[in-house]
C-alpha atoms as a PDB file:
ATOM      1  CA  MET A   1      10.983  24.456  -2.651  1.00  0.00           C
ATOM      2  CA  THR A   2       9.102  22.520  -5.331  1.00  0.00           C
ATOM      3  CA  VAL A   3       7.367  19.272  -4.432  1.00  0.00           C
ATOM      4  CA  PRO A   4       7.613  16.642  -7.180  1.00  0.00           C
ATOM      5  CA  ARG A   5       4.289  15.757  -8.755  1.00  0.00           C
ATOM      6  CA  ARG A   6       3.294  12.181  -7.909  1.00  0.00           C
ATOM      7  CA  HIS A   7      -0.211  12.017  -9.387  1.00  0.00           C
ATOM      8  CA  CYS A   8      -0.422   9.975 -12.631  1.00  0.00           C
ATOM      9  CA  ARG A   9       3.086   8.536 -12.117  1.00  0.00           C
ATOM     10  CA  CYS A  10       2.209   5.369 -10.180  1.00  0.00           C
ATOM     11  CA  TYR A  11       3.789   2.916 -12.643  1.00  0.00           C
ATOM     12  CA  GLU A  12       7.071   4.820 -12.749  1.00  0.00           C
ATOM     13  CA  LEU A  13       7.194   5.492  -9.009  1.00  0.00           C
ATOM     14  CA  ALA A  14       6.347   1.890  -8.050  1.00  0.00           C
ATOM     15  CA  TYR A  15       9.079   0.507 -10.304  1.00  0.00           C
ATOM     16  CA  LYS A  16      11.630   3.005  -8.970  1.00  0.00           C
ATOM     17  CA  ALA A  17      10.632   2.233  -5.360  1.00  0.00           C
ATOM     18  CA  MET A  18      11.355  -1.449  -6.049  1.00  0.00           C
ATOM     19  CA  LEU A  19      14.821  -0.481  -7.323  1.00  0.00           C
ATOM     20  CA  ASP A  20      15.410   1.708  -4.259  1.00  0.00           C
ATOM     21  CA  ALA A  21      14.439  -1.185  -1.971  1.00  0.00           C
ATOM     22  CA  ARG A  22      16.806  -3.534  -3.793  1.00  0.00           C
ATOM     23  CA  ASP A  23      19.603  -0.977  -3.434  1.00  0.00           C
ATOM     24  CA  GLY A  24      18.887  -0.451   0.278  1.00  0.00           C
ATOM     25  CA  VAL A  25      17.895   3.197  -0.027  1.00  0.00           C
ATOM     26  CA  ALA A  26      14.120   2.830   0.391  1.00  0.00           C
ATOM     27  CA  ASP A  27      12.615   4.199   3.579  1.00  0.00           C
ATOM     28  CA  PHE A  28       9.524   1.956   3.498  1.00  0.00           C
ATOM     29  CA  ILE A  29      11.318  -1.370   4.069  1.00  0.00           C
ATOM     30  CA  ALA A  30      14.603  -2.392   5.640  1.00  0.00           C
ATOM     31  CA  PRO A  31      16.849  -4.449   3.311  1.00  0.00           C
ATOM     32  CA  ALA A  32      16.936  -7.256   5.873  1.00  0.00           C
ATOM     33  CA  SER A  33      13.110  -7.381   5.840  1.00  0.00           C
ATOM     34  CA  GLY A  34      12.909  -9.022   2.449  1.00  0.00           C
ATOM     35  CA  ALA A  35      13.290  -6.248  -0.104  1.00  0.00           C
ATOM     36  CA  ASP A  36      13.942  -9.019  -2.622  1.00  0.00           C
ATOM     37  CA  ARG A  37      10.431 -10.338  -1.931  1.00  0.00           C
ATOM     38  CA  LEU A  38       8.525  -7.164  -2.794  1.00  0.00           C
ATOM     39  CA  THR A  39       5.802  -7.529  -5.391  1.00  0.00           C
ATOM     40  CA  LEU A  40       4.914  -4.895  -7.955  1.00  0.00           C
ATOM     41  CA  VAL A  41       1.166  -4.951  -8.569  1.00  0.00           C
ATOM     42  CA  HIS A  42      -0.702  -3.520 -11.541  1.00  0.00           C
ATOM     43  CA  GLY A  43      -4.431  -3.341 -10.987  1.00  0.00           C
ATOM     44  CA  LEU A  44      -7.467  -1.148 -10.629  1.00  0.00           C
ATOM     45  CA  PHE A  45      -9.075   0.751  -7.795  1.00  0.00           C
ATOM     46  CA  HIS A  46     -12.437   2.421  -7.376  1.00  0.00           C
ATOM     47  CA  HIS A  47     -12.462   6.224  -7.386  1.00  0.00           C
ATOM     48  CA  HIS A  48     -15.554   8.388  -7.872  1.00  0.00           C
ATOM     49  CA  ARG A  49     -17.527   5.542  -9.483  1.00  0.00           C
ATOM     50  CA  GLN A  50     -14.736   4.750 -11.936  1.00  0.00           C
ATOM     51  CA  ARG A  51     -12.186   1.936 -12.109  1.00  0.00           C
ATOM     52  CA  ILE A  52      -8.766   3.603 -12.307  1.00  0.00           C
ATOM     53  CA  PRO A  53      -5.570   1.788 -13.431  1.00  0.00           C
ATOM     54  CA  HIS A  54      -2.972   1.931 -10.687  1.00  0.00           C
ATOM     55  CA  ALA A  55       0.322   0.411  -9.504  1.00  0.00           C
ATOM     56  CA  TRP A  56       1.410  -0.311  -5.939  1.00  0.00           C
ATOM     57  CA  ILE A  57       3.827  -2.516  -4.004  1.00  0.00           C
ATOM     58  CA  GLU A  58       3.046  -5.406  -1.677  1.00  0.00           C
ATOM     59  CA  THR A  59       5.605  -6.029   1.070  1.00  0.00           C
ATOM     60  CA  PRO A  60       6.518  -9.402   2.656  1.00  0.00           C
ATOM     61  CA  ASP A  61       4.995  -8.242   5.960  1.00  0.00           C
ATOM     62  CA  ASP A  62       1.525  -7.923   4.344  1.00  0.00           C
ATOM     63  CA  HIS A  63       1.424  -4.190   3.754  1.00  0.00           C
ATOM     64  CA  VAL A  64       0.865  -2.112   0.648  1.00  0.00           C
ATOM     65  CA  LEU A  65       2.957   0.887  -0.252  1.00  0.00           C
ATOM     66  CA  ASP A  66       0.891   3.235  -2.382  1.00  0.00           C
ATOM     67  CA  VAL A  67       3.594   5.204  -4.143  1.00  0.00           C
ATOM     68  CA  VAL A  68       1.344   8.115  -5.109  1.00  0.00           C
ATOM     69  CA  THR A  69       0.245   8.878  -1.554  1.00  0.00           C
ATOM     70  CA  ASN A  70       3.486   7.466  -0.089  1.00  0.00           C
ATOM     71  CA  GLN A  71       1.415   5.640   2.530  1.00  0.00           C
ATOM     72  CA  ARG A  72       2.047   2.176   3.927  1.00  0.00           C
ATOM     73  CA  THR A  73      -1.202   0.375   4.801  1.00  0.00           C
ATOM     74  CA  PRO A  74      -2.040  -3.155   5.964  1.00  0.00           C
ATOM     75  CA  LEU A  75      -2.826  -5.256   2.888  1.00  0.00           C
ATOM     76  CA  ASP A  76      -6.432  -6.183   3.782  1.00  0.00           C
ATOM     77  CA  GLU A  77      -7.272  -2.611   4.757  1.00  0.00           C
ATOM     78  CA  TYR A  78      -5.840  -1.209   1.504  1.00  0.00           C
ATOM     79  CA  TYR A  79      -7.731  -3.652  -0.729  1.00  0.00           C
ATOM     80  CA  ALA A  80     -11.000  -3.059   1.134  1.00  0.00           C
ATOM     81  CA  ARG A  81     -10.707   0.740   1.302  1.00  0.00           C
ATOM     82  CA  MET A  82      -9.611   1.173  -2.324  1.00  0.00           C
ATOM     83  CA  ASP A  83     -11.811  -1.643  -3.663  1.00  0.00           C
ATOM     84  CA  ALA A  84      -8.612  -2.673  -5.431  1.00  0.00           C
ATOM     85  CA  THR A  85      -8.365  -5.577  -7.841  1.00  0.00           C
ATOM     86  CA  ILE A  86      -5.164  -7.166  -9.072  1.00  0.00           C
ATOM     87  CA  GLU A  87      -4.555  -7.559 -12.778  1.00  0.00           C
ATOM     88  CA  ARG A  88      -0.930  -8.724 -12.620  1.00  0.00           C
ATOM     89  CA  ARG A  89       1.890  -9.224 -10.111  1.00  0.00           C
ATOM     90  CA  TYR A  90       5.613  -8.919 -10.895  1.00  0.00           C
ATOM     91  CA  SER A  91       8.921  -9.546  -9.200  1.00  0.00           C
ATOM     92  CA  LEU A  92      11.567  -6.887  -9.776  1.00  0.00           C
ATOM     93  CA  GLU A  93      13.278  -9.125 -12.318  1.00  0.00           C
ATOM     94  CA  GLU A  94      10.059  -9.642 -14.285  1.00  0.00           C
ATOM     95  CA  ALA A  95       9.272  -5.929 -14.174  1.00  0.00           C
ATOM     96  CA  ALA A  96      12.781  -5.001 -15.317  1.00  0.00           C
ATOM     97  CA  GLN A  97      12.521  -7.357 -18.283  1.00  0.00           C
ATOM     98  CA  LEU A  98       9.123  -5.968 -19.315  1.00  0.00           C
ATOM     99  CA  MET A  99      10.243  -2.381 -18.822  1.00  0.00           C
ATOM    100  CA  LEU A 100      13.212  -2.938 -21.121  1.00  0.00           C
ATOM    101  CA  GLU A 101      11.115  -4.851 -23.654  1.00  0.00           C
ATOM    102  CA  HIS A 102       8.373  -2.198 -23.857  1.00  0.00           C
ATOM    103  CA  SER A 103      10.416   0.945 -23.065  1.00  0.00           C
ATOM    104  CA  HIS A 104       7.964   2.208 -20.439  1.00  0.00           C
ATOM    105  CA  PHE A 105       7.071   1.604 -16.793  1.00  0.00           C
ATOM    106  CA  GLY A 106       3.675   0.016 -17.480  1.00  0.00           C
ATOM    107  CA  PRO A 107       1.093  -1.141 -17.641  1.00  0.00           C
ATOM    108  CA  TRP A 108       2.392  -3.882 -19.872  1.00  0.00           C
ATOM    109  CA  PRO A 109       0.290  -6.105 -22.135  1.00  0.00           C
ATOM    110  CA  ALA A 110      -0.380  -9.649 -20.958  1.00  0.00           C
ATOM    111  CA  SER A 111       2.072 -12.137 -22.372  1.00  0.00           C
END
């Protein structure tokens, strides 16, 4: 069995995870838990003395889903451990509009 490659696909995977949550097929959040209140985040994290562009999802119960590692971590712990900084936050509707406008999953230029 082949395992799908997740590395270098964070923007795509984060956007698709938001769609899955909206459609009730995500395993990281129950639809009744506020899937409509997920936030797509584009930012940077520290890795081997470099700032790396990355995308992740913040949940309404103050967790982060890192779509590359498929790990759900408390928000404060994730930001501290990854030395993550936020560049932009998007609702699913905002992300969908930008994805259609730019024909890619991100990152998108500031408007």
